[in-house]
């Protein structure tokens, strides 16, 4: 539905101004949240802004139960309006819980602020997210809330710094439940392979943007057109570029954000994030990441210094999630584990001579 129609046909100005009865405000909030959830993937930026304005106004008028309903509807949407998601995240826990657990809109900066301002219950919900960066987990661990530490230790998708891990071990000495979760976590990490030993990230000495300038003359113009690609044509890369650029300008475009994109199957956002980090055009990165020519894209990941864990989660996103079996994923990860930075650099030098295989 067009944004103007939302204003004129669905929204009674008297309701938005708090002049109608409360029942109408609750009914309208439920209706608008449901409509947005159904149409979100087709909404323009203008329409999203309209939904944001309407729901933000209504959130101040409706009851907790209705706000909780709206939060549930919006919690999994990657293009949910940021302002209303943040509004819900700071609300009472029955409203905040679904967005704290699931919303891909919340950034590390948001999660840190919420952890600082709100209490233990909000932190527990944050601990339930599919992935968490060290920036967030360090703050959660410093809270020293027992329930927070236990949930965090149990979350295999949470990155924990060495400082944070030492604090957890100290706390576990006096908490049997935390000791059990932390012991299980560490046993599983040891069993899953050498990556979990937190090998230092080694980035390439190659300047990737400069490398791309050497490769660009070898790339056919048709490779920049994704509109006829059997898989990539479905994505709206322009909005994803804008999102990745916002994260980059805020200094937040790093492994934690890439993991968030991958875990929420935000393939276009993931592509654009990697494009900005590498200096390669997003169209080229998209083709590399939808190809079964593993070595090229694994070399790019290695040159970016992506940890094995991030690469594993990337393999479960977008086209690879659809075409890779578990055994194939294991084989690709094994290849990435064996790939050295020196080998990746040697391969990249050949790209500047021979181009890339993008079909």
Foldseek 3Di string as FASTA:
>chain_A
DDQVCCPVPLDDVCVLVVNDDQVSLLVSLLVLLQVCLVCVVPDDPVNLVSSVVSNVSSVVRHDPVSLLSSLQSQQLDQPHDLVSLLVQCLDPCSSNLSNLAHHLSDALVSLLVSLVPDDDSSLLSNLNHQAAEQSNLVSQLVVVDPSNLLSNLQRLRYDHDPVSLVSLVVSCVPPVSSVVSNVVSVVVLVVVDDLSVVDDQDAAPDQLLVLQVLLVVVDDPCLLDCCPPPFSNVDDLVVLLVVLVVCVVVVNLDLRSLLSCLVSLVLSNNLNSLCVLRVNDSSQSVLQLQDPPLLLNLLSCSNSRHRLVSVLSNCCHGNNVVPPDPVRSVVSSVVSVPDDNVNSVVVSVVCSVNNDDRD
